[in-house]
Each structure stands twice: as C-alpha cells, then as structure tokens.
C-alpha cells in the first residue's frame, strides 16, 4: 500500500468490530490488502490505541475458519506455527499432518523461535508423541540443528545416496534408523544432489525409494524433508484442496505463514506441477462466505 497508515487502519478495524454486528467487508478491505509486516504494525497500533490485543477482538467478533484466517494473518509467522502445533496436539490423539506442516519446511531459526514465542509448546509436542519412527524424526527436528548447507560435495552426496540404498532397497527389510539419520542430518540441497546420484544408479529418485520403504506419516515426513519450502507448500495446498473436503486449518496456516513473495514462488511451482489449474482457481473453488472473500483478496496480490 502506497498510503499505508497503521493507526488509521487500526481505527477502521475497531470501528468494524465495535457495537452490535460486525462489518466483515471493512475487516477484509484492510486485512486482505496489507502485507504481513503492515498487519503486524497495525496489530501493534491497535493494542496501543485500544488497550486490547487485535487478536482478542477478532476472536470476539468472528468465528469458524474466517476467525482462524484473520488471527493467522495478524499474528507473527512464529505465532502461526505455534497455533498450528497447539491445534495438532489438543485433545485426544495427535494431528501428525500439522506437525509435518510446521516442522518440515521450517528453518532451524524458525523452529528455535517456537521456544521464545511459547516455551510450553515444545513440551506439549514431545509429551503428545510416542516412540515410533515418525516421533523420533519430530524430536530430532525440534532441536533445530539440521544442516542448511547450500554448497554440496557431489562425491559425498553419491556416497550418502548409496548408504540410503543399502538401508532400504538394497537389503531385505528396511533400516529405518539410517533413513532417519540421513534425512534429518542433511540439507534439502544436499538431498537433491543425492537424489540425482541415486537416480543415476538406481533409475529413480530418493523420494520414490522412501515411498517404497516406508509408510504413513513417517513416509510423508521423510518425503517432506526432501523438498524446499516452496515445493512443500505447493504440494500440500494441492492435497488440502483436492478431492472431497478442504483442510481449512492448513489453508489458514498457508496464508498466515507465507509472505507475498513466498506465495508467488508457490504459485509458480503449483502451476508447473498442475498445468491445467492455477493456485487461485484451485483454492477459490474450495472456500466461500466472508472466509472466501478474504482469501480472494489475498490471492489478488
């Protein structure tokens, strides 16, 4: 916005929510046309002007997925991640797919930011998971120590590719610990080089090897660790909106945690993977009402 005024926007949001009824169109007009940094500035001004967190008023005046999306948009990316982790671990059982959504595409610093945002959330996750192979990977990723190297020694990548082959397709049964160690230690860039070496020798990618040797959430998490952030979100938003039903919690997280620049990258990858449909068309076919109207504004930029 060329004439952005955080105080003015804060007042507009307050006016849209105070008194009887809520002016959702006015809420969308502000929230749907601001960048993440602008929205965080508005939230700060809102607290200062009205002595109340913007998130609290949103929760008091809206509901459902519309509320979740609004809250994610005016929250920091770290808070969005914590919110999804909390949703994944509340009540009986664990929503493992949301643990993957948060942990697989996050940098080490983003994972460490959880601790500062909400020190209790890591304990919640660790207490919620058990001792399966999936749970082992989650606990390792929560340490925020995975390599993020972009320079790769091709000889070393080929060596690791062969280690992975010998731990899976090259033996009877699967050495899950080796899969865990390799995929949680090396960077995405390293694994992409290793996958090329794997394909050169064994005629298919590391992703296909993972899918052939593992299953369920463990498989999904390991595959996710071989993708860049933008590749992960492009594939995940397809799964969240394709077929029967919509994973609205992920859709809200998607818009809350990604910058406008990230969305452009994801949109490009999405269209390369699904040439007959755009990201905008895919998502808008699955949302409606005030929630859908806000999503439409977010996709216009």
Protein backbone atom coordinates (compact mmCIF):
# COMPACT_ATOMS: atom_id res chain seq x y z
CA UNK A 1 0.00 0.00 0.00
CA UNK A 2 1.49 3.34 -1.08
CA UNK A 3 -0.50 5.31 1.51
CA UNK A 4 -0.33 2.88 4.40
CA UNK A 5 -1.28 4.31 7.82
CA UNK A 6 -1.21 1.76 10.67
CA UNK A 7 -3.13 3.98 13.11
CA UNK A 8 -5.85 4.71 10.60
CA UNK A 9 -6.18 1.01 9.74
CA UNK A 10 -6.34 0.10 13.43
CA UNK A 11 -9.23 2.54 13.88
CA UNK A 12 -11.02 1.11 10.83
CA UNK A 13 -10.73 -2.41 12.25
CA UNK A 14 -12.01 -1.27 15.64
CA UNK A 15 -14.96 0.50 14.04
CA UNK A 16 -15.77 -2.63 12.02
CA UNK A 17 -15.97 -4.72 15.21
CA UNK A 18 -17.36 -2.46 17.93
CA UNK A 19 -21.05 -2.34 18.83
CA UNK A 20 -23.69 -4.74 17.57
CA UNK A 21 -22.77 -6.74 14.50
CA UNK A 22 -19.52 -6.91 12.56
CA UNK A 23 -18.65 -5.19 9.28
CA UNK A 24 -16.82 -8.10 7.64
CA UNK A 25 -16.40 -6.21 4.38
CA UNK A 26 -14.47 -3.46 6.18
CA UNK A 27 -12.35 -6.06 8.01
CA UNK A 28 -11.50 -7.76 4.72
CA UNK A 29 -10.74 -4.46 3.00
CA UNK A 30 -7.98 -3.73 5.49
CA UNK A 31 -6.63 -7.20 6.28
CA UNK A 32 -6.83 -8.51 2.71
CA UNK A 33 -4.87 -5.61 1.24
CA UNK A 34 -1.88 -5.37 3.60
CA UNK A 35 1.44 -7.21 3.76
CA UNK A 36 2.39 -9.30 6.79
CA UNK A 37 4.72 -6.58 8.12
CA UNK A 38 1.98 -3.97 7.74
CA UNK A 39 -0.54 -6.17 9.54
CA UNK A 40 1.88 -6.67 12.44
CA UNK A 41 2.32 -2.90 12.64
CA UNK A 42 -1.46 -2.45 12.66
CA UNK A 43 -1.78 -5.02 15.47
CA UNK A 44 0.80 -3.09 17.49
CA UNK A 45 -1.05 0.22 16.97
CA UNK A 46 -4.37 -1.46 17.81
CA UNK A 47 -3.02 -2.59 21.19
CA UNK A 48 -1.69 0.91 21.84
CA UNK A 49 -4.89 2.75 20.83
CA UNK A 50 -7.49 0.45 22.38
CA UNK A 51 -5.54 -1.31 25.14
CA UNK A 52 -6.69 -4.67 23.77
CA UNK A 53 -4.97 -7.22 21.51
CA UNK A 54 -6.37 -7.14 17.97
CA UNK A 55 -6.48 -10.94 18.07
CA UNK A 56 -8.81 -10.84 21.09
CA UNK A 57 -11.34 -8.55 19.39
CA UNK A 58 -11.23 -10.65 16.21
CA UNK A 59 -11.99 -13.77 18.25
CA UNK A 60 -14.85 -11.97 19.98
CA UNK A 61 -16.48 -10.80 16.75
CA UNK A 62 -15.89 -13.57 14.21
CA UNK A 63 -15.96 -17.34 14.13
CA UNK A 64 -15.01 -20.51 12.28
CA UNK A 65 -12.36 -20.62 9.60
CA UNK A 66 -12.84 -16.90 8.95
CA UNK A 67 -11.70 -16.17 12.50
CA UNK A 68 -8.74 -18.57 12.19
CA UNK A 69 -7.59 -16.91 8.96
CA UNK A 70 -7.90 -13.39 10.37
CA UNK A 71 -5.97 -14.34 13.51
CA UNK A 72 -3.20 -16.03 11.49
CA UNK A 73 -2.88 -13.00 9.23
CA UNK A 74 -2.39 -10.53 12.10
CA UNK A 75 -0.04 -12.89 14.01
CA UNK A 76 3.69 -13.33 13.52
CA UNK A 77 4.76 -16.38 11.48
CA UNK A 78 6.19 -17.86 14.70
CA UNK A 79 2.82 -17.46 16.42
CA UNK A 80 1.06 -19.06 13.41
CA UNK A 81 3.33 -22.08 13.73
CA UNK A 82 2.73 -22.30 17.47
CA UNK A 83 -1.04 -22.02 16.89
CA UNK A 84 -0.96 -24.95 14.47
CA UNK A 85 1.19 -27.04 16.81
CA UNK A 86 -1.29 -26.32 19.59
CA UNK A 87 -4.18 -27.37 17.34
CA UNK A 88 -2.28 -30.56 16.39
CA UNK A 89 -1.78 -31.63 19.99
CA UNK A 90 -5.00 -30.60 21.71
CA UNK A 91 -7.48 -33.24 22.83
CA UNK A 92 -7.06 -36.97 22.35
CA UNK A 93 -4.55 -38.07 19.75
CA UNK A 94 -2.22 -36.04 17.57
CA UNK A 95 -2.84 -34.50 14.13
CA UNK A 96 0.51 -35.59 12.70
CA UNK A 97 -0.01 -33.87 9.36
CA UNK A 98 0.11 -30.48 11.10
CA UNK A 99 3.36 -31.38 12.86
CA UNK A 100 4.77 -32.07 9.39
CA UNK A 101 3.38 -28.75 8.09
CA UNK A 102 5.21 -26.85 10.79
CA UNK A 103 8.46 -28.77 11.15
CA UNK A 104 9.40 -29.95 7.65
CA UNK A 105 9.52 -26.59 5.81
CA UNK A 106 10.82 -24.51 8.75
CA UNK A 107 14.40 -23.29 9.09
CA UNK A 108 16.36 -24.01 12.26
CA UNK A 109 15.84 -20.42 13.38
CA UNK A 110 12.10 -20.65 12.79
CA UNK A 111 11.99 -23.79 14.93
CA UNK A 112 14.01 -22.12 17.68
CA UNK A 113 11.59 -19.18 17.52
CA UNK A 114 8.88 -21.51 18.89
CA UNK A 115 10.73 -21.56 22.19
CA UNK A 116 10.66 -17.78 22.51
CA UNK A 117 7.05 -17.45 21.33
CA UNK A 118 5.67 -20.16 23.63
CA UNK A 119 8.15 -22.17 25.74
CA UNK A 120 5.43 -24.69 26.65
CA UNK A 121 4.57 -25.76 23.10
CA UNK A 122 7.67 -27.94 22.59
CA UNK A 123 6.93 -29.86 25.79
CA UNK A 124 3.32 -30.28 24.58
CA UNK A 125 4.50 -31.80 21.30
CA UNK A 126 7.08 -34.09 22.93
CA UNK A 127 4.53 -35.26 25.51
CA UNK A 128 1.98 -35.87 22.75
CA UNK A 129 4.14 -38.06 20.53
CA UNK A 130 5.47 -41.50 21.40
CA UNK A 131 8.45 -43.57 20.25
CA UNK A 132 7.56 -44.51 16.70
CA UNK A 133 9.91 -43.74 13.78
CA UNK A 134 7.76 -40.69 12.99
CA UNK A 135 8.05 -39.48 16.58
CA UNK A 136 11.86 -39.89 16.50
CA UNK A 137 12.07 -37.57 13.48
CA UNK A 138 9.82 -34.99 15.17
CA UNK A 139 12.02 -34.94 18.28
CA UNK A 140 15.19 -34.51 16.19
CA UNK A 141 13.71 -31.67 14.13
CA UNK A 142 12.58 -29.86 17.29
CA UNK A 143 16.25 -29.39 18.19
CA UNK A 144 16.69 -27.05 15.22
CA UNK A 145 20.09 -28.44 14.23
CA UNK A 146 19.56 -29.80 10.70
CA UNK A 147 22.20 -28.78 8.15
CA UNK A 148 21.18 -25.87 5.91
CA UNK A 149 24.26 -26.03 3.67
CA UNK A 150 23.75 -24.95 0.06
CA UNK A 151 27.23 -25.96 -1.18
CA UNK A 152 27.31 -29.70 -1.84
CA UNK A 153 30.16 -32.14 -2.41
CA UNK A 154 28.81 -34.40 -5.17
CA UNK A 155 31.11 -37.26 -4.14
CA UNK A 156 29.72 -37.12 -0.60
CA UNK A 157 26.14 -36.89 -1.94
CA UNK A 158 26.70 -40.02 -4.05
CA UNK A 159 28.14 -41.80 -1.01
CA UNK A 160 25.07 -40.93 1.09
CA UNK A 161 22.75 -41.99 -1.76
CA UNK A 162 24.40 -45.43 -1.68
CA UNK A 163 24.06 -45.60 2.11
CA UNK A 164 20.34 -44.95 1.68
CA UNK A 165 20.09 -47.66 -0.98
CA UNK A 166 21.80 -50.19 1.27
CA UNK A 167 19.46 -49.23 4.14
CA UNK A 168 16.37 -49.82 2.01
CA UNK A 169 16.06 -51.25 -1.46
CA UNK A 170 19.47 -52.92 -1.30
CA UNK A 171 18.56 -55.21 1.59
CA UNK A 172 15.79 -57.39 2.95
CA UNK A 173 13.67 -55.19 5.21
CA UNK A 174 14.38 -51.54 5.97
CA UNK A 175 16.92 -49.90 8.27
CA UNK A 176 14.62 -47.09 9.43
CA UNK A 177 17.27 -45.57 11.71
CA UNK A 178 19.56 -44.95 8.73
CA UNK A 179 16.71 -43.27 6.84
CA UNK A 180 16.02 -41.07 9.87
CA UNK A 181 19.68 -40.18 10.37
CA UNK A 182 20.33 -39.30 6.72
CA UNK A 183 17.18 -37.28 6.13
CA UNK A 184 17.28 -35.29 9.38
CA UNK A 185 21.01 -34.53 9.15
CA UNK A 186 21.48 -33.32 5.57
CA UNK A 187 20.10 -30.17 3.96
CA UNK A 188 17.44 -30.15 1.25
CA UNK A 189 20.06 -29.04 -1.29
CA UNK A 190 22.32 -31.94 -0.31
CA UNK A 191 19.45 -34.42 -0.60
CA UNK A 192 18.57 -33.12 -4.07
CA UNK A 193 22.14 -33.86 -5.22
CA UNK A 194 21.98 -37.25 -3.50
CA UNK A 195 18.70 -37.97 -5.28
CA UNK A 196 20.30 -37.27 -8.68
CA UNK A 197 23.09 -39.70 -7.82
CA UNK A 198 20.52 -42.26 -6.62
CA UNK A 199 18.51 -41.91 -9.83
CA UNK A 200 21.62 -42.17 -11.99
CA UNK A 201 22.49 -45.53 -10.43
CA UNK A 202 19.11 -46.98 -9.43
CA UNK A 203 16.79 -45.43 -12.06
CA UNK A 204 14.50 -43.49 -9.70
CA UNK A 205 14.56 -40.75 -7.08
CA UNK A 206 15.13 -40.89 -3.33
CA UNK A 207 11.50 -39.83 -2.89
CA UNK A 208 10.34 -42.98 -4.70
CA UNK A 209 12.74 -45.06 -2.55
CA UNK A 210 11.28 -43.52 0.62
CA UNK A 211 7.74 -44.24 -0.56
CA UNK A 212 8.65 -47.84 -1.33
CA UNK A 213 10.36 -48.49 2.01
CA UNK A 214 8.19 -46.57 4.50
CA UNK A 215 4.52 -45.77 5.04
CA UNK A 216 2.00 -43.46 6.69
CA UNK A 217 3.01 -40.29 8.50
CA UNK A 218 6.63 -41.48 8.69
CA UNK A 219 6.74 -41.68 4.89
CA UNK A 220 5.08 -38.27 4.49
CA UNK A 221 7.51 -36.59 6.88
CA UNK A 222 10.63 -38.10 5.28
CA UNK A 223 9.42 -37.11 1.79
CA UNK A 224 8.70 -33.59 3.06
CA UNK A 225 12.32 -33.28 4.21
CA UNK A 226 13.50 -33.70 0.60
CA UNK A 227 11.55 -30.63 -0.58
CA UNK A 228 12.23 -26.90 -0.49
CA UNK A 229 9.76 -24.78 1.49
CA UNK A 230 8.03 -23.60 -1.69
CA UNK A 231 7.82 -27.11 -3.14
CA UNK A 232 6.37 -28.40 0.12
CA UNK A 233 3.66 -25.73 0.31
CA UNK A 234 2.78 -26.13 -3.39
CA UNK A 235 2.22 -29.87 -2.93
CA UNK A 236 0.48 -29.52 0.43
CA UNK A 237 -2.03 -26.88 -0.74
CA UNK A 238 -2.95 -29.23 -3.60
CA UNK A 239 -3.61 -32.05 -1.14
CA UNK A 240 -5.52 -29.68 1.17
CA UNK A 241 -7.92 -28.56 -1.58
CA UNK A 242 -8.05 -31.52 -3.95
CA UNK A 243 -10.80 -34.13 -3.74
CA UNK A 244 -13.56 -34.31 -1.16
CA UNK A 245 -13.40 -31.79 1.68
CA UNK A 246 -10.96 -28.99 2.39
CA UNK A 247 -8.24 -28.82 5.04
CA UNK A 248 -9.14 -25.30 6.13
CA UNK A 249 -6.73 -25.27 9.05
CA UNK A 250 -3.89 -25.70 6.59
CA UNK A 251 -5.34 -23.09 4.19
CA UNK A 252 -5.35 -20.54 7.03
CA UNK A 253 -1.81 -21.51 8.04
CA UNK A 254 -0.71 -21.26 4.39
CA UNK A 255 -1.76 -17.60 4.15
CA UNK A 256 -0.69 -16.73 7.68
CA UNK A 257 2.86 -18.00 7.47
CA UNK A 258 3.86 -17.22 3.86
CA UNK A 259 4.91 -13.78 2.63
CA UNK A 260 3.53 -12.36 -0.64
CA UNK A 261 6.87 -13.22 -2.26
CA UNK A 262 6.58 -16.80 -0.97
CA UNK A 263 3.07 -17.04 -2.44
CA UNK A 264 4.38 -16.06 -5.88
CA UNK A 265 7.04 -18.80 -5.70
CA UNK A 266 4.50 -21.37 -4.53
CA UNK A 267 2.04 -20.34 -7.24
CA UNK A 268 4.67 -20.85 -9.95
CA UNK A 269 5.64 -24.32 -8.68
CA UNK A 270 1.96 -25.25 -8.24
CA UNK A 271 1.21 -24.38 -11.88
CA UNK A 272 4.28 -26.31 -13.10
CA UNK A 273 3.00 -29.39 -11.25
CA UNK A 274 -0.65 -28.87 -12.28
CA UNK A 275 -0.63 -27.09 -15.68
CA UNK A 276 -4.41 -27.23 -16.12
CA UNK A 277 -5.21 -25.19 -13.00
CA UNK A 278 -3.88 -22.09 -11.23
CA UNK A 279 -3.32 -21.84 -7.49
CA UNK A 280 -6.01 -19.15 -7.32
CA UNK A 281 -8.62 -21.25 -9.14
CA UNK A 282 -7.80 -24.32 -7.04
CA UNK A 283 -8.19 -22.58 -3.67
CA UNK A 284 -11.17 -20.38 -4.57
CA UNK A 285 -13.11 -23.46 -5.62
CA UNK A 286 -12.92 -24.66 -2.01
CA UNK A 287 -13.77 -21.57 0.08
CA UNK A 288 -16.87 -19.41 0.49
CA UNK A 289 -18.56 -16.65 2.53
CA UNK A 290 -16.54 -13.98 4.33
CA UNK A 291 -13.71 -16.50 4.57
CA UNK A 292 -13.75 -16.99 0.80
CA UNK A 293 -13.96 -13.25 0.16
CA UNK A 294 -10.84 -12.67 2.25
CA UNK A 295 -8.95 -15.49 0.51
CA UNK A 296 -9.88 -13.94 -2.83
CA UNK A 297 -8.31 -10.63 -1.81
CA UNK A 298 -5.16 -12.37 -0.59
CA UNK A 299 -4.75 -14.19 -3.91
CA UNK A 300 -5.12 -10.99 -5.97
CA UNK A 301 -1.76 -9.59 -4.87
